[in-house]
Amino acid sequence: MRALLVILVAALALALAACGESPEDQAREEGERAGEAVRALYDAETPEAAQIAVDELVAVREDLSDDVREHVQDEVGVQTESLQTASEALQSGDRAELQSAIQDVRAQADSFTSQGNSIANEFWRGFEEGYDDD
């Protein structure tokens, strides 16, 4: 009887542990949020809407889990030039240039989805889903 109880407790513990979110799931959710914010910036038609999108991007960056941050920091670094161009276009009010720079960011994200790192792959897949979800 005692052995059966131990087995049941162990099985319950394993079942509860399996209910947790995997690092890949978390990466995908964080990527979706980033993609949604970038899309909102692309779609922004007023300076106020653009600022809300920028604020969300900053919040996304600050909220990245350490594990995800560690696995995507190189790719985000690659996007720095496109993001800088987008920032300059936003400040100058050049919506066409802003959208072009954001399209570059989206294309770069697509190129990042086939790496040897499952966490980074899921972040960028989530980014695409968030960006493309109309």
C-alpha atoms as a PDB file:
ATOM      1  CA  MET A   1       0.000   0.000   0.000  1.00  0.00           C
ATOM      2  CA  ARG A   2       2.786   2.401   0.922  1.00  0.00           C
ATOM      3  CA  ALA A   3       4.626   1.626  -2.337  1.00  0.00           C
ATOM      4  CA  LEU A   4       1.482   2.366  -4.315  1.00  0.00           C
ATOM      5  CA  LEU A   5       1.114   5.709  -2.534  1.00  0.00           C
ATOM      6  CA  VAL A   6       4.722   6.623  -3.337  1.00  0.00           C
ATOM      7  CA  ILE A   7       4.172   5.718  -7.000  1.00  0.00           C
ATOM      8  CA  LEU A   8       0.988   7.806  -7.151  1.00  0.00           C
ATOM      9  CA  VAL A   9       2.688  10.813  -5.559  1.00  0.00           C
ATOM     10  CA  ALA A  10       5.610  10.508  -7.983  1.00  0.00           C
ATOM     11  CA  ALA A  11       3.226  10.224 -10.939  1.00  0.00           C
ATOM     12  CA  LEU A  12       1.300  13.280  -9.757  1.00  0.00           C
ATOM     13  CA  ALA A  13       4.520  15.238  -9.366  1.00  0.00           C
ATOM     14  CA  LEU A  14       5.564  14.341 -12.910  1.00  0.00           C
ATOM     15  CA  ALA A  15       2.154  15.280 -14.272  1.00  0.00           C
ATOM     16  CA  LEU A  16       2.278  18.662 -12.561  1.00  0.00           C
ATOM     17  CA  ALA A  17       5.809  19.287 -13.786  1.00  0.00           C
ATOM     18  CA  ALA A  18       4.728  18.508 -17.331  1.00  0.00           C
ATOM     19  CA  CYS A  19       2.063  21.215 -17.112  1.00  0.00           C
ATOM     20  CA  GLY A  20       4.690  23.956 -16.933  1.00  0.00           C
ATOM     21  CA  GLU A  21       5.610  26.068 -19.897  1.00  0.00           C
ATOM     22  CA  SER A  22       8.681  25.004 -21.849  1.00  0.00           C
ATOM     23  CA  PRO A  23      11.382  27.555 -22.703  1.00  0.00           C
ATOM     24  CA  GLU A  24      10.321  27.253 -26.344  1.00  0.00           C
ATOM     25  CA  ASP A  25       6.697  28.050 -25.466  1.00  0.00           C
ATOM     26  CA  GLN A  26       7.799  31.096 -23.521  1.00  0.00           C
ATOM     27  CA  ALA A  27      10.090  32.173 -26.364  1.00  0.00           C
ATOM     28  CA  ARG A  28       7.258  31.861 -28.870  1.00  0.00           C
ATOM     29  CA  GLU A  29       4.932  33.976 -26.687  1.00  0.00           C
ATOM     30  CA  GLU A  30       7.587  36.640 -26.209  1.00  0.00           C
ATOM     31  CA  GLY A  31       8.298  36.618 -29.939  1.00  0.00           C
ATOM     32  CA  GLU A  32       4.600  37.038 -30.738  1.00  0.00           C
ATOM     33  CA  ARG A  33       4.430  40.047 -28.471  1.00  0.00           C
ATOM     34  CA  ALA A  34       7.485  41.573 -30.165  1.00  0.00           C
ATOM     35  CA  GLY A  35       6.034  40.901 -33.617  1.00  0.00           C
ATOM     36  CA  GLU A  36       2.731  42.495 -32.655  1.00  0.00           C
ATOM     37  CA  ALA A  37       4.535  45.612 -31.420  1.00  0.00           C
ATOM     38  CA  VAL A  38       6.625  45.894 -34.594  1.00  0.00           C
ATOM     39  CA  ARG A  39       3.492  45.465 -36.708  1.00  0.00           C
ATOM     40  CA  ALA A  40       1.751  48.176 -34.699  1.00  0.00           C
ATOM     41  CA  LEU A  41       4.672  50.468 -35.469  1.00  0.00           C
ATOM     42  CA  TYR A  42       4.437  49.592 -39.169  1.00  0.00           C
ATOM     43  CA  ASP A  43       0.693  50.324 -39.162  1.00  0.00           C
ATOM     44  CA  ALA A  44       0.930  53.515 -37.083  1.00  0.00           C
ATOM     45  CA  GLU A  45      -0.687  56.437 -38.859  1.00  0.00           C
ATOM     46  CA  THR A  46      -0.144  59.045 -36.167  1.00  0.00           C
ATOM     47  CA  PRO A  47       2.838  59.988 -34.029  1.00  0.00           C
ATOM     48  CA  GLU A  48       0.808  58.978 -30.984  1.00  0.00           C
ATOM     49  CA  ALA A  49       0.130  55.482 -32.360  1.00  0.00           C
ATOM     50  CA  ALA A  50       3.796  55.121 -33.247  1.00  0.00           C
ATOM     51  CA  GLN A  51       4.833  56.153 -29.751  1.00  0.00           C
ATOM     52  CA  ILE A  52       2.504  53.565 -28.219  1.00  0.00           C
ATOM     53  CA  ALA A  53       4.103  50.900 -30.434  1.00  0.00           C
ATOM     54  CA  VAL A  54       7.606  52.062 -29.505  1.00  0.00           C
ATOM     55  CA  ASP A  55       6.682  51.991 -25.819  1.00  0.00           C
ATOM     56  CA  GLU A  56       5.436  48.418 -26.246  1.00  0.00           C
ATOM     57  CA  LEU A  57       8.676  47.432 -27.996  1.00  0.00           C
ATOM     58  CA  VAL A  58      10.662  48.839 -25.094  1.00  0.00           C
ATOM     59  CA  ALA A  59       8.448  46.933 -22.651  1.00  0.00           C
ATOM     60  CA  VAL A  60       8.898  43.726 -24.661  1.00  0.00           C
ATOM     61  CA  ARG A  61      12.664  44.152 -24.561  1.00  0.00           C
ATOM     62  CA  GLU A  62      12.617  44.769 -20.823  1.00  0.00           C
ATOM     63  CA  ASP A  63      10.289  41.815 -20.185  1.00  0.00           C
ATOM     64  CA  LEU A  64      12.294  39.224 -22.133  1.00  0.00           C
ATOM     65  CA  SER A  65      13.152  36.272 -19.973  1.00  0.00           C
ATOM     66  CA  ASP A  66      16.864  35.768 -19.395  1.00  0.00           C
ATOM     67  CA  ASP A  67      16.814  32.486 -21.313  1.00  0.00           C
ATOM     68  CA  VAL A  68      15.199  34.041 -24.387  1.00  0.00           C
ATOM     69  CA  ARG A  69      17.368  37.152 -24.217  1.00  0.00           C
ATOM     70  CA  GLU A  70      20.486  34.983 -24.172  1.00  0.00           C
ATOM     71  CA  HIS A  71      19.388  33.093 -27.285  1.00  0.00           C
ATOM     72  CA  VAL A  72      18.233  36.023 -29.455  1.00  0.00           C
ATOM     73  CA  GLN A  73      20.632  38.815 -28.558  1.00  0.00           C
ATOM     74  CA  ASP A  74      22.890  38.203 -31.580  1.00  0.00           C
ATOM     75  CA  GLU A  75      19.963  38.342 -34.010  1.00  0.00           C
ATOM     76  CA  VAL A  76      18.553  41.455 -32.375  1.00  0.00           C
ATOM     77  CA  GLY A  77      22.003  42.980 -32.761  1.00  0.00           C
ATOM     78  CA  VAL A  78      21.824  42.261 -36.499  1.00  0.00           C
ATOM     79  CA  GLN A  79      18.538  44.164 -36.623  1.00  0.00           C
ATOM     80  CA  THR A  80      20.010  47.250 -34.964  1.00  0.00           C
ATOM     81  CA  GLU A  81      20.688  49.050 -38.246  1.00  0.00           C
ATOM     82  CA  SER A  82      17.136  48.505 -39.514  1.00  0.00           C
ATOM     83  CA  LEU A  83      15.701  49.556 -36.159  1.00  0.00           C
ATOM     84  CA  GLN A  84      17.904  52.661 -36.152  1.00  0.00           C
ATOM     85  CA  THR A  85      16.641  53.548 -39.652  1.00  0.00           C
ATOM     86  CA  ALA A  86      13.073  53.039 -38.432  1.00  0.00           C
ATOM     87  CA  SER A  87      13.726  55.302 -35.454  1.00  0.00           C
ATOM     88  CA  GLU A  88      15.147  58.060 -37.648  1.00  0.00           C
ATOM     89  CA  ALA A  89      12.216  57.775 -40.058  1.00  0.00           C
ATOM     90  CA  LEU A  90       9.794  57.935 -37.154  1.00  0.00           C
ATOM     91  CA  GLN A  91      11.440  61.080 -35.814  1.00  0.00           C
ATOM     92  CA  SER A  92      11.418  62.748 -39.225  1.00  0.00           C
ATOM     93  CA  GLY A  93       7.834  61.714 -39.964  1.00  0.00           C
ATOM     94  CA  ASP A  94       8.820  59.710 -43.056  1.00  0.00           C
ATOM     95  CA  ARG A  95       6.210  56.956 -42.910  1.00  0.00           C
ATOM     96  CA  ALA A  96       7.366  55.288 -46.139  1.00  0.00           C
ATOM     97  CA  GLU A  97      10.924  54.963 -44.839  1.00  0.00           C
ATOM     98  CA  LEU A  98       9.615  53.742 -41.481  1.00  0.00           C
ATOM     99  CA  GLN A  99       7.602  51.022 -43.181  1.00  0.00           C
ATOM    100  CA  SER A 100      10.547  50.037 -45.375  1.00  0.00           C
ATOM    101  CA  ALA A 101      12.800  49.673 -42.340  1.00  0.00           C
ATOM    102  CA  ILE A 102      10.138  47.632 -40.528  1.00  0.00           C
ATOM    103  CA  GLN A 103       9.804  45.370 -43.573  1.00  0.00           C
ATOM    104  CA  ASP A 104      13.570  44.791 -43.322  1.00  0.00           C
ATOM    105  CA  VAL A 105      13.138  43.798 -39.673  1.00  0.00           C
ATOM    106  CA  ARG A 106      10.371  41.361 -40.661  1.00  0.00           C
ATOM    107  CA  ALA A 107      12.493  39.840 -43.429  1.00  0.00           C
ATOM    108  CA  GLN A 108      15.417  39.453 -41.053  1.00  0.00           C
ATOM    109  CA  ALA A 109      13.156  37.696 -38.545  1.00  0.00           C
ATOM    110  CA  ASP A 110      12.181  35.228 -41.251  1.00  0.00           C
ATOM    111  CA  SER A 111      15.828  34.422 -41.890  1.00  0.00           C
ATOM    112  CA  PHE A 112      16.378  33.723 -38.180  1.00  0.00           C
ATOM    113  CA  THR A 113      13.801  30.908 -37.884  1.00  0.00           C
ATOM    114  CA  SER A 114      16.024  28.061 -39.051  1.00  0.00           C
ATOM    115  CA  GLN A 115      18.902  28.007 -36.632  1.00  0.00           C
ATOM    116  CA  GLY A 116      20.275  25.198 -34.529  1.00  0.00           C
ATOM    117  CA  ASN A 117      18.710  26.707 -31.418  1.00  0.00           C
ATOM    118  CA  SER A 118      15.131  25.757 -30.615  1.00  0.00           C
ATOM    119  CA  ILE A 119      14.530  28.700 -28.270  1.00  0.00           C
ATOM    120  CA  ALA A 120      15.685  31.275 -30.821  1.00  0.00           C
ATOM    121  CA  ASN A 121      13.756  29.498 -33.589  1.00  0.00           C
ATOM    122  CA  GLU A 122      10.546  29.644 -31.570  1.00  0.00           C
ATOM    123  CA  PHE A 123      11.057  33.303 -30.663  1.00  0.00           C
ATOM    124  CA  TRP A 124      11.386  34.255 -34.334  1.00  0.00           C
ATOM    125  CA  ARG A 125       8.478  32.022 -35.372  1.00  0.00           C
ATOM    126  CA  GLY A 126       6.416  33.741 -32.709  1.00  0.00           C
ATOM    127  CA  PHE A 127       7.630  37.095 -34.001  1.00  0.00           C
ATOM    128  CA  GLU A 128       6.399  36.196 -37.491  1.00  0.00           C
ATOM    129  CA  GLU A 129       3.036  35.050 -36.141  1.00  0.00           C
ATOM    130  CA  GLY A 130       2.606  38.229 -34.114  1.00  0.00           C
ATOM    131  CA  TYR A 131       3.632  40.435 -37.012  1.00  0.00           C
ATOM    132  CA  ASP A 132       1.565  38.626 -39.640  1.00  0.00           C
ATOM    133  CA  ASP A 133      -1.593  38.164 -37.554  1.00  0.00           C
ATOM    134  CA  ASP A 134      -4.036  40.546 -39.190  1.00  0.00           C
END
